[in-house]
């Protein structure tokens, strides 16, 4: 009597052949679907905006809890580090001095703006109030694309194009809006370009994100580079998206045609932000309220 081998090849079993065939078929089908989705996303980046918004809304509670835990842990470690170095009081004073320097830079930029524009054009400007205050519940840190998730959406009046501002300066603008959350394009993203100027004298430039947490400052006029390390960079108001004189960054190194700057607001360390309308909307509203002499 001849015994059959314990391990038979798949070719000896019709069921095993069918299983192998269907596994290959599913793998090829999955690759095909993935290729189609990749092509659609490359051709139209907003094609899956609804799905991303729905996913962000579904994960918003988890993001809020993570943001609170991150904020508490960061505060605890900062206090502990300050105690072992120069004390928590010195650390608090340093934070206050940093914020005061930002305010002084904004005031200097505002005075320059008043002298250069108000005296010439005699325009009436009104201070815009934030639409809402929210929380950044997540941000990318390992990718070259820099996005953040805002804890507010269409239900709170958030619309595409609104600017996001932290206590220390500009963070970015709203790119996509969902029901309860929104997607924010950070100023450090490679697709972000902000018209800026030097706060001290109004030298015009453009701040472009480099995807590594820094900004490339490109001068609007070529020639001798007038920038210096430590220069405060603020928004110029050109283009109508960002209102003028918002703090953006500080120059840390020089280039032949500009400089590298460090943003003043770090999304990973920022908890609450203010959401403001685009500057052109505010200016249009203010112009309708001007009373003729």
C-alpha atoms as a PDB file:
ATOM      1  CA  UNK A   1       0.000   0.000   0.000  1.00  0.00           C
ATOM      2  CA  UNK A   2       1.398   3.389  -1.102  1.00  0.00           C
ATOM      3  CA  UNK A   3       1.135   6.247   1.413  1.00  0.00           C
ATOM      4  CA  UNK A   4       0.468   9.814   0.247  1.00  0.00           C
ATOM      5  CA  UNK A   5       2.909  12.512   1.332  1.00  0.00           C
ATOM      6  CA  UNK A   6       1.921  14.693   4.280  1.00  0.00           C
ATOM      7  CA  UNK A   7       2.780  17.979   2.496  1.00  0.00           C
ATOM      8  CA  UNK A   8       1.108  18.062  -0.898  1.00  0.00           C
ATOM      9  CA  UNK A   9       1.916  20.826  -3.355  1.00  0.00           C
ATOM     10  CA  UNK A  10      -0.859  23.358  -4.143  1.00  0.00           C
ATOM     11  CA  UNK A  11      -1.041  21.951  -7.653  1.00  0.00           C
ATOM     12  CA  UNK A  12      -2.444  18.667  -6.288  1.00  0.00           C
ATOM     13  CA  UNK A  13      -5.411  20.454  -4.632  1.00  0.00           C
ATOM     14  CA  UNK A  14      -7.985  22.373  -6.642  1.00  0.00           C
ATOM     15  CA  UNK A  15      -9.069  24.289  -3.535  1.00  0.00           C
ATOM     16  CA  UNK A  16      -5.518  25.413  -2.859  1.00  0.00           C
ATOM     17  CA  UNK A  17      -5.182  26.547  -6.468  1.00  0.00           C
ATOM     18  CA  UNK A  18      -8.392  28.598  -6.207  1.00  0.00           C
ATOM     19  CA  UNK A  19      -7.248  30.172  -2.936  1.00  0.00           C
ATOM     20  CA  UNK A  20      -3.910  31.126  -4.475  1.00  0.00           C
ATOM     21  CA  UNK A  21      -5.610  32.541  -7.576  1.00  0.00           C
ATOM     22  CA  UNK A  22      -8.088  34.661  -5.572  1.00  0.00           C
ATOM     23  CA  UNK A  23      -5.303  35.948  -3.286  1.00  0.00           C
ATOM     24  CA  UNK A  24      -3.335  37.144  -6.320  1.00  0.00           C
ATOM     25  CA  UNK A  25      -6.508  38.648  -7.790  1.00  0.00           C
ATOM     26  CA  UNK A  26      -7.247  40.594  -4.574  1.00  0.00           C
ATOM     27  CA  UNK A  27      -3.658  41.849  -4.391  1.00  0.00           C
ATOM     28  CA  UNK A  28      -3.710  43.085  -7.993  1.00  0.00           C
ATOM     29  CA  UNK A  29      -7.117  44.705  -7.441  1.00  0.00           C
ATOM     30  CA  UNK A  30      -5.883  46.479  -4.298  1.00  0.00           C
ATOM     31  CA  UNK A  31      -2.846  47.818  -6.144  1.00  0.00           C
ATOM     32  CA  UNK A  32      -5.081  49.052  -8.956  1.00  0.00           C
ATOM     33  CA  UNK A  33      -7.433  50.858  -6.566  1.00  0.00           C
ATOM     34  CA  UNK A  34      -4.479  52.431  -4.728  1.00  0.00           C
ATOM     35  CA  UNK A  35      -2.980  53.644  -8.015  1.00  0.00           C
ATOM     36  CA  UNK A  36      -6.288  55.216  -9.079  1.00  0.00           C
ATOM     37  CA  UNK A  37      -6.673  56.995  -5.713  1.00  0.00           C
ATOM     38  CA  UNK A  38      -3.078  58.253  -5.915  1.00  0.00           C
ATOM     39  CA  UNK A  39      -3.615  59.659  -9.411  1.00  0.00           C
ATOM     40  CA  UNK A  40      -6.853  61.364  -8.355  1.00  0.00           C
ATOM     41  CA  UNK A  41      -5.196  62.952  -5.298  1.00  0.00           C
ATOM     42  CA  UNK A  42      -2.237  64.204  -7.380  1.00  0.00           C
ATOM     43  CA  UNK A  43      -4.544  65.734  -9.981  1.00  0.00           C
ATOM     44  CA  UNK A  44      -7.018  67.233  -7.491  1.00  0.00           C
ATOM     45  CA  UNK A  45      -5.739  67.735  -3.937  1.00  0.00           C
ATOM     46  CA  UNK A  46      -9.206  68.670  -2.659  1.00  0.00           C
ATOM     47  CA  UNK A  47     -10.890  65.511  -3.990  1.00  0.00           C
ATOM     48  CA  UNK A  48     -10.831  63.827  -0.599  1.00  0.00           C
ATOM     49  CA  UNK A  49     -11.383  66.955   1.496  1.00  0.00           C
ATOM     50  CA  UNK A  50     -14.769  65.668   2.669  1.00  0.00           C
ATOM     51  CA  UNK A  51     -13.332  62.354   3.807  1.00  0.00           C
ATOM     52  CA  UNK A  52     -10.487  64.087   5.643  1.00  0.00           C
ATOM     53  CA  UNK A  53     -12.898  66.475   7.321  1.00  0.00           C
ATOM     54  CA  UNK A  54     -15.130  63.589   8.417  1.00  0.00           C
ATOM     55  CA  UNK A  55     -12.129  61.706   9.799  1.00  0.00           C
ATOM     56  CA  UNK A  56     -10.899  64.813  11.644  1.00  0.00           C
ATOM     57  CA  UNK A  57     -14.354  65.355  13.138  1.00  0.00           C
ATOM     58  CA  UNK A  58     -14.509  61.731  14.271  1.00  0.00           C
ATOM     59  CA  UNK A  59     -11.082  61.898  15.932  1.00  0.00           C
ATOM     60  CA  UNK A  60     -11.543  65.382  17.382  1.00  0.00           C
ATOM     61  CA  UNK A  61     -12.383  64.157  20.945  1.00  0.00           C
ATOM     62  CA  UNK A  62      -9.213  62.053  21.005  1.00  0.00           C
ATOM     63  CA  UNK A  63      -7.201  65.007  19.701  1.00  0.00           C
ATOM     64  CA  UNK A  64      -8.600  67.315  22.384  1.00  0.00           C
ATOM     65  CA  UNK A  65      -7.657  64.832  25.101  1.00  0.00           C
ATOM     66  CA  UNK A  66      -4.173  64.470  23.588  1.00  0.00           C
ATOM     67  CA  UNK A  67      -3.729  68.256  23.426  1.00  0.00           C
ATOM     68  CA  UNK A  68      -4.664  68.617  27.082  1.00  0.00           C
ATOM     69  CA  UNK A  69      -2.278  65.837  28.095  1.00  0.00           C
ATOM     70  CA  UNK A  70       0.509  67.351  25.967  1.00  0.00           C
ATOM     71  CA  UNK A  71      -0.042  70.788  27.461  1.00  0.00           C
ATOM     72  CA  UNK A  72      -0.019  69.465  31.030  1.00  0.00           C
ATOM     73  CA  UNK A  73       3.122  67.375  30.479  1.00  0.00           C
ATOM     74  CA  UNK A  74       4.908  70.271  28.730  1.00  0.00           C
ATOM     75  CA  UNK A  75       4.075  72.668  31.557  1.00  0.00           C
ATOM     76  CA  UNK A  76       5.278  70.157  34.172  1.00  0.00           C
ATOM     77  CA  UNK A  77       8.600  69.533  32.423  1.00  0.00           C
ATOM     78  CA  UNK A  78       9.129  73.271  31.848  1.00  0.00           C
ATOM     79  CA  UNK A  79       8.568  74.024  35.532  1.00  0.00           C
ATOM     80  CA  UNK A  80      10.894  71.210  36.593  1.00  0.00           C
ATOM     81  CA  UNK A  81      13.631  72.365  34.191  1.00  0.00           C
ATOM     82  CA  UNK A  82      13.273  75.948  35.402  1.00  0.00           C
ATOM     83  CA  UNK A  83      13.611  74.823  39.028  1.00  0.00           C
ATOM     84  CA  UNK A  84      16.898  73.030  38.363  1.00  0.00           C
ATOM     85  CA  UNK A  85      18.362  75.856  36.225  1.00  0.00           C
ATOM     86  CA  UNK A  86      17.282  79.344  37.254  1.00  0.00           C
ATOM     87  CA  UNK A  87      13.942  78.757  38.935  1.00  0.00           C
ATOM     88  CA  UNK A  88      10.374  78.913  37.734  1.00  0.00           C
ATOM     89  CA  UNK A  89      10.211  82.662  38.410  1.00  0.00           C
ATOM     90  CA  UNK A  90      13.081  83.392  36.013  1.00  0.00           C
ATOM     91  CA  UNK A  91      11.493  81.153  33.354  1.00  0.00           C
ATOM     92  CA  UNK A  92       8.203  83.038  33.708  1.00  0.00           C
ATOM     93  CA  UNK A  93       9.963  86.392  33.414  1.00  0.00           C
ATOM     94  CA  UNK A  94      11.779  85.244  30.266  1.00  0.00           C
ATOM     95  CA  UNK A  95       8.458  84.304  28.658  1.00  0.00           C
ATOM     96  CA  UNK A  96       7.048  87.725  29.558  1.00  0.00           C
ATOM     97  CA  UNK A  97      10.113  89.466  28.086  1.00  0.00           C
ATOM     98  CA  UNK A  98       9.757  87.469  24.838  1.00  0.00           C
ATOM     99  CA  UNK A  99       6.109  88.470  24.532  1.00  0.00           C
ATOM    100  CA  UNK A 100       6.999  92.112  25.329  1.00  0.00           C
ATOM    101  CA  UNK A 101       9.597  92.131  22.532  1.00  0.00           C
ATOM    102  CA  UNK A 102       6.970  90.897  20.098  1.00  0.00           C
ATOM    103  CA  UNK A 103       4.574  93.618  21.203  1.00  0.00           C
ATOM    104  CA  UNK A 104       7.299  96.281  20.824  1.00  0.00           C
ATOM    105  CA  UNK A 105       8.079  95.054  17.301  1.00  0.00           C
ATOM    106  CA  UNK A 106       4.386  95.199  16.405  1.00  0.00           C
ATOM    107  CA  UNK A 107       4.083  98.720  17.829  1.00  0.00           C
ATOM    108  CA  UNK A 108       7.123  99.903  15.846  1.00  0.00           C
ATOM    109  CA  UNK A 109       5.657  98.384  12.690  1.00  0.00           C
ATOM    110  CA  UNK A 110       2.302 100.023  13.411  1.00  0.00           C
ATOM    111  CA  UNK A 111       3.888 103.465  13.822  1.00  0.00           C
ATOM    112  CA  UNK A 112       5.730 103.060  10.531  1.00  0.00           C
ATOM    113  CA  UNK A 113       2.500 101.978   8.833  1.00  0.00           C
ATOM    114  CA  UNK A 114       0.649 104.997  10.224  1.00  0.00           C
ATOM    115  CA  UNK A 115       3.305 107.410   8.952  1.00  0.00           C
ATOM    116  CA  UNK A 116       3.561 105.806   5.506  1.00  0.00           C
ATOM    117  CA  UNK A 117      -0.104 105.134   4.746  1.00  0.00           C
ATOM    118  CA  UNK A 118      -2.500 106.959   7.050  1.00  0.00           C
ATOM    119  CA  UNK A 119      -0.919 110.375   6.544  1.00  0.00           C
ATOM    120  CA  UNK A 120      -0.923 109.923   2.754  1.00  0.00           C
ATOM    121  CA  UNK A 121      -4.206 108.141   2.080  1.00  0.00           C
ATOM    122  CA  UNK A 122      -6.155 109.246   5.170  1.00  0.00           C
ATOM    123  CA  UNK A 123      -7.869 105.892   5.435  1.00  0.00           C
ATOM    124  CA  UNK A 124     -10.058 104.927   8.350  1.00  0.00           C
ATOM    125  CA  UNK A 125      -9.127 101.508   9.773  1.00  0.00           C
ATOM    126  CA  UNK A 126     -11.012  99.477  12.296  1.00  0.00           C
ATOM    127  CA  UNK A 127      -9.549  96.781  14.508  1.00  0.00           C
ATOM    128  CA  UNK A 128     -11.073  93.420  13.602  1.00  0.00           C
ATOM    129  CA  UNK A 129     -12.253  91.173  16.366  1.00  0.00           C
ATOM    130  CA  UNK A 130     -11.528  87.427  16.173  1.00  0.00           C
ATOM    131  CA  UNK A 131     -14.335  85.271  14.839  1.00  0.00           C
ATOM    132  CA  UNK A 132     -13.640  82.679  17.523  1.00  0.00           C
ATOM    133  CA  UNK A 133     -10.992  81.202  19.797  1.00  0.00           C
ATOM    134  CA  UNK A 134     -10.048  77.553  19.347  1.00  0.00           C
ATOM    135  CA  UNK A 135      -7.433  74.940  20.055  1.00  0.00           C
ATOM    136  CA  UNK A 136      -4.891  73.247  17.816  1.00  0.00           C
ATOM    137  CA  UNK A 137      -5.433  69.556  18.544  1.00  0.00           C
ATOM    138  CA  UNK A 138      -2.777  68.142  16.244  1.00  0.00           C
ATOM    139  CA  UNK A 139       0.007  69.099  13.819  1.00  0.00           C
ATOM    140  CA  UNK A 140       2.417  67.318  11.489  1.00  0.00           C
ATOM    141  CA  UNK A 141       6.054  67.210  12.548  1.00  0.00           C
ATOM    142  CA  UNK A 142       7.745  64.400  10.567  1.00  0.00           C
ATOM    143  CA  UNK A 143       6.515  65.331   7.065  1.00  0.00           C
ATOM    144  CA  UNK A 144       7.666  68.054   4.672  1.00  0.00           C
ATOM    145  CA  UNK A 145       4.021  69.201   4.504  1.00  0.00           C
ATOM    146  CA  UNK A 146       3.010  71.203   7.570  1.00  0.00           C
ATOM    147  CA  UNK A 147      -0.656  71.087   8.567  1.00  0.00           C
ATOM    148  CA  UNK A 148      -2.547  71.432  11.844  1.00  0.00           C
ATOM    149  CA  UNK A 149      -6.064  70.498  12.973  1.00  0.00           C
ATOM    150  CA  UNK A 150      -8.275  73.158  14.519  1.00  0.00           C
ATOM    151  CA  UNK A 151     -10.950  72.154  17.043  1.00  0.00           C
ATOM    152  CA  UNK A 152     -13.573  74.387  15.369  1.00  0.00           C
ATOM    153  CA  UNK A 153     -15.459  74.004  12.094  1.00  0.00           C
ATOM    154  CA  UNK A 154     -18.378  75.320  10.085  1.00  0.00           C
ATOM    155  CA  UNK A 155     -20.705  75.212  13.089  1.00  0.00           C
ATOM    156  CA  UNK A 156     -18.670  78.045  14.672  1.00  0.00           C
ATOM    157  CA  UNK A 157     -18.549  80.183  11.539  1.00  0.00           C
ATOM    158  CA  UNK A 158     -15.104  79.090  10.339  1.00  0.00           C
ATOM    159  CA  UNK A 159     -14.554  79.495   6.584  1.00  0.00           C
ATOM    160  CA  UNK A 160     -11.702  78.794   4.172  1.00  0.00           C
ATOM    161  CA  UNK A 161      -9.077  81.561   4.078  1.00  0.00           C
ATOM    162  CA  UNK A 162      -9.413  82.761   7.671  1.00  0.00           C
ATOM    163  CA  UNK A 163      -6.101  83.457   9.409  1.00  0.00           C
ATOM    164  CA  UNK A 164      -4.886  81.675  12.540  1.00  0.00           C
ATOM    165  CA  UNK A 165      -2.960  83.690  15.115  1.00  0.00           C
ATOM    166  CA  UNK A 166      -1.313  82.663  18.387  1.00  0.00           C
ATOM    167  CA  UNK A 167      -0.289  85.031  21.216  1.00  0.00           C
ATOM    168  CA  UNK A 168       3.262  85.232  19.813  1.00  0.00           C
ATOM    169  CA  UNK A 169       2.395  85.661  16.137  1.00  0.00           C
ATOM    170  CA  UNK A 170       0.981  84.259  12.902  1.00  0.00           C
ATOM    171  CA  UNK A 171       0.399  80.488  12.652  1.00  0.00           C
ATOM    172  CA  UNK A 172      -1.267  79.957   9.247  1.00  0.00           C
ATOM    173  CA  UNK A 173      -4.610  80.007   7.469  1.00  0.00           C
ATOM    174  CA  UNK A 174      -7.652  77.739   7.185  1.00  0.00           C
ATOM    175  CA  UNK A 175      -7.336  75.391   4.195  1.00  0.00           C
ATOM    176  CA  UNK A 176     -10.332  73.061   4.616  1.00  0.00           C
ATOM    177  CA  UNK A 177     -13.415  73.274   6.839  1.00  0.00           C
ATOM    178  CA  UNK A 178     -15.370  70.366   8.246  1.00  0.00           C
ATOM    179  CA  UNK A 179     -18.411  70.198  10.494  1.00  0.00           C
ATOM    180  CA  UNK A 180     -16.549  70.371  13.819  1.00  0.00           C
ATOM    181  CA  UNK A 181     -12.891  70.666  12.790  1.00  0.00           C
ATOM    182  CA  UNK A 182     -10.781  72.505  10.221  1.00  0.00           C
ATOM    183  CA  UNK A 183      -7.467  71.891   8.488  1.00  0.00           C
ATOM    184  CA  UNK A 184      -4.848  74.637   8.834  1.00  0.00           C
ATOM    185  CA  UNK A 185      -1.982  75.295   6.423  1.00  0.00           C
ATOM    186  CA  UNK A 186       0.951  76.386   8.603  1.00  0.00           C
ATOM    187  CA  UNK A 187       3.285  79.179   7.492  1.00  0.00           C
ATOM    188  CA  UNK A 188       6.184  76.673   7.615  1.00  0.00           C
ATOM    189  CA  UNK A 189       4.616  74.526   4.857  1.00  0.00           C
ATOM    190  CA  UNK A 190       6.393  74.532   1.496  1.00  0.00           C
ATOM    191  CA  UNK A 191       3.190  75.745  -0.228  1.00  0.00           C
ATOM    192  CA  UNK A 192       2.798  78.751   2.098  1.00  0.00           C
ATOM    193  CA  UNK A 193       4.012  82.215   1.056  1.00  0.00           C
ATOM    194  CA  UNK A 194       3.392  85.258   3.263  1.00  0.00           C
ATOM    195  CA  UNK A 195       4.159  88.853   2.178  1.00  0.00           C
ATOM    196  CA  UNK A 196       6.280  90.330   4.977  1.00  0.00           C
ATOM    197  CA  UNK A 197       8.571  93.242   5.789  1.00  0.00           C
ATOM    198  CA  UNK A 198      11.181  94.151   8.371  1.00  0.00           C
ATOM    199  CA  UNK A 199       9.495  95.815  11.325  1.00  0.00           C
ATOM    200  CA  UNK A 200      12.126  98.525  11.793  1.00  0.00           C
ATOM    201  CA  UNK A 201      12.114 100.096   8.315  1.00  0.00           C
ATOM    202  CA  UNK A 202       9.603  98.252   6.104  1.00  0.00           C
ATOM    203  CA  UNK A 203      12.000  96.348   3.796  1.00  0.00           C
ATOM    204  CA  UNK A 204       9.652  94.243   1.637  1.00  0.00           C
ATOM    205  CA  UNK A 205      10.096  90.466   1.328  1.00  0.00           C
ATOM    206  CA  UNK A 206       8.289  87.124   1.103  1.00  0.00           C
ATOM    207  CA  UNK A 207       8.365  84.393   3.770  1.00  0.00           C
ATOM    208  CA  UNK A 208       8.166  80.881   2.305  1.00  0.00           C
ATOM    209  CA  UNK A 209       7.991  77.732   4.414  1.00  0.00           C
ATOM    210  CA  UNK A 210      10.797  75.199   4.048  1.00  0.00           C
ATOM    211  CA  UNK A 211       9.012  72.209   5.551  1.00  0.00           C
ATOM    212  CA  UNK A 212      11.525  71.908   8.394  1.00  0.00           C
ATOM    213  CA  UNK A 213      10.030  74.416  10.826  1.00  0.00           C
ATOM    214  CA  UNK A 214      11.860  77.456   9.425  1.00  0.00           C
ATOM    215  CA  UNK A 215      11.070  80.212   6.907  1.00  0.00           C
ATOM    216  CA  UNK A 216      13.030  81.400   3.875  1.00  0.00           C
ATOM    217  CA  UNK A 217      12.925  85.209   3.650  1.00  0.00           C
ATOM    218  CA  UNK A 218      13.289  86.341   0.020  1.00  0.00           C
ATOM    219  CA  UNK A 219      13.788  90.061  -0.598  1.00  0.00           C
ATOM    220  CA  UNK A 220      11.375  91.726  -3.010  1.00  0.00           C
ATOM    221  CA  UNK A 221      14.181  93.893  -4.442  1.00  0.00           C
ATOM    222  CA  UNK A 222      17.522  92.363  -5.416  1.00  0.00           C
ATOM    223  CA  UNK A 223      20.815  93.973  -4.528  1.00  0.00           C
ATOM    224  CA  UNK A 224      22.582  94.439  -1.219  1.00  0.00           C
ATOM    225  CA  UNK A 225      21.024  92.353   1.544  1.00  0.00           C
ATOM    226  CA  UNK A 226      20.034  94.781   4.353  1.00  0.00           C
ATOM    227  CA  UNK A 227      18.796  92.093   6.760  1.00  0.00           C
ATOM    228  CA  UNK A 228      20.609  91.338  10.014  1.00  0.00           C
ATOM    229  CA  UNK A 229      20.405  88.584  12.599  1.00  0.00           C
ATOM    230  CA  UNK A 230      17.725  89.315  15.154  1.00  0.00           C
ATOM    231  CA  UNK A 231      15.550  91.402  12.805  1.00  0.00           C
ATOM    232  CA  UNK A 232      11.830  91.124  13.548  1.00  0.00           C
ATOM    233  CA  UNK A 233       9.709  90.151  10.531  1.00  0.00           C
ATOM    234  CA  UNK A 234       6.013  91.125  10.381  1.00  0.00           C
ATOM    235  CA  UNK A 235       3.264  90.831   7.768  1.00  0.00           C
ATOM    236  CA  UNK A 236       3.041  93.625   5.204  1.00  0.00           C
ATOM    237  CA  UNK A 237      -0.662  93.277   4.378  1.00  0.00           C
ATOM    238  CA  UNK A 238       0.001  92.865   0.644  1.00  0.00           C
ATOM    239  CA  UNK A 239      -2.259  90.420  -1.148  1.00  0.00           C
ATOM    240  CA  UNK A 240      -5.214  91.054   1.141  1.00  0.00           C
ATOM    241  CA  UNK A 241      -5.059  87.791   3.118  1.00  0.00           C
ATOM    242  CA  UNK A 242      -3.038  88.603   6.236  1.00  0.00           C
ATOM    243  CA  UNK A 243      -3.574  91.896   8.030  1.00  0.00           C
ATOM    244  CA  UNK A 244      -0.433  94.062   8.344  1.00  0.00           C
ATOM    245  CA  UNK A 245       1.894  94.213  11.343  1.00  0.00           C
ATOM    246  CA  UNK A 246       1.315  90.673  12.637  1.00  0.00           C
ATOM    247  CA  UNK A 247       4.502  89.210  14.099  1.00  0.00           C
ATOM    248  CA  UNK A 248       5.870  86.334  12.002  1.00  0.00           C
ATOM    249  CA  UNK A 249       9.502  85.423  12.695  1.00  0.00           C
ATOM    250  CA  UNK A 250      13.007  86.464  13.737  1.00  0.00           C
ATOM    251  CA  UNK A 251      16.035  86.259  11.415  1.00  0.00           C
ATOM    252  CA  UNK A 252      18.554  83.644  12.584  1.00  0.00           C
ATOM    253  CA  UNK A 253      20.966  83.416   9.616  1.00  0.00           C
ATOM    254  CA  UNK A 254      21.707  85.365   6.427  1.00  0.00           C
ATOM    255  CA  UNK A 255      21.674  84.315   2.755  1.00  0.00           C
ATOM    256  CA  UNK A 256      22.892  86.224  -0.328  1.00  0.00           C
ATOM    257  CA  UNK A 257      19.320  87.092  -1.354  1.00  0.00           C
ATOM    258  CA  UNK A 258      17.582  87.027   2.016  1.00  0.00           C
ATOM    259  CA  UNK A 259      17.712  85.082   5.264  1.00  0.00           C
ATOM    260  CA  UNK A 260      16.490  82.101   7.256  1.00  0.00           C
ATOM    261  CA  UNK A 261      14.022  82.983  10.012  1.00  0.00           C
ATOM    262  CA  UNK A 262      12.543  81.143  12.968  1.00  0.00           C
ATOM    263  CA  UNK A 263       8.762  81.478  13.408  1.00  0.00           C
ATOM    264  CA  UNK A 264       7.714  82.982  16.720  1.00  0.00           C
ATOM    265  CA  UNK A 265       4.739  80.630  17.101  1.00  0.00           C
ATOM    266  CA  UNK A 266       5.398  76.891  17.356  1.00  0.00           C
ATOM    267  CA  UNK A 267       2.157  74.938  16.637  1.00  0.00           C
ATOM    268  CA  UNK A 268       3.419  72.013  18.691  1.00  0.00           C
ATOM    269  CA  UNK A 269       3.678  74.266  21.757  1.00  0.00           C
ATOM    270  CA  UNK A 270       0.576  76.375  21.028  1.00  0.00           C
ATOM    271  CA  UNK A 271      -2.698  75.464  22.696  1.00  0.00           C
ATOM    272  CA  UNK A 272      -5.217  78.242  22.050  1.00  0.00           C
ATOM    273  CA  UNK A 273      -5.369  80.380  18.891  1.00  0.00           C
ATOM    274  CA  UNK A 274      -7.538  83.192  17.533  1.00  0.00           C
ATOM    275  CA  UNK A 275      -9.322  82.801  14.201  1.00  0.00           C
ATOM    276  CA  UNK A 276      -9.662  86.047  12.235  1.00  0.00           C
ATOM    277  CA  UNK A 277     -11.254  86.997   8.929  1.00  0.00           C
ATOM    278  CA  UNK A 278      -9.042  87.636   5.923  1.00  0.00           C
ATOM    279  CA  UNK A 279      -7.738  91.200   5.828  1.00  0.00           C
ATOM    280  CA  UNK A 280      -9.459  92.056   2.525  1.00  0.00           C
ATOM    281  CA  UNK A 281     -12.853  91.187   4.055  1.00  0.00           C
ATOM    282  CA  UNK A 282     -12.151  93.401   7.068  1.00  0.00           C
ATOM    283  CA  UNK A 283     -10.956  96.274   4.847  1.00  0.00           C
ATOM    284  CA  UNK A 284     -14.042  95.980   2.640  1.00  0.00           C
ATOM    285  CA  UNK A 285     -16.301  96.108   5.677  1.00  0.00           C
ATOM    286  CA  UNK A 286     -14.413  99.110   7.091  1.00  0.00           C
ATOM    287  CA  UNK A 287     -14.672 101.008   3.803  1.00  0.00           C
ATOM    288  CA  UNK A 288     -18.458 100.764   3.884  1.00  0.00           C
ATOM    289  CA  UNK A 289     -18.480 102.319   7.345  1.00  0.00           C
ATOM    290  CA  UNK A 290     -16.315 105.354   6.455  1.00  0.00           C
ATOM    291  CA  UNK A 291     -18.270 108.584   6.835  1.00  0.00           C
ATOM    292  CA  UNK A 292     -17.499 111.190   4.200  1.00  0.00           C
ATOM    293  CA  UNK A 293     -16.352 114.573   5.628  1.00  0.00           C
END
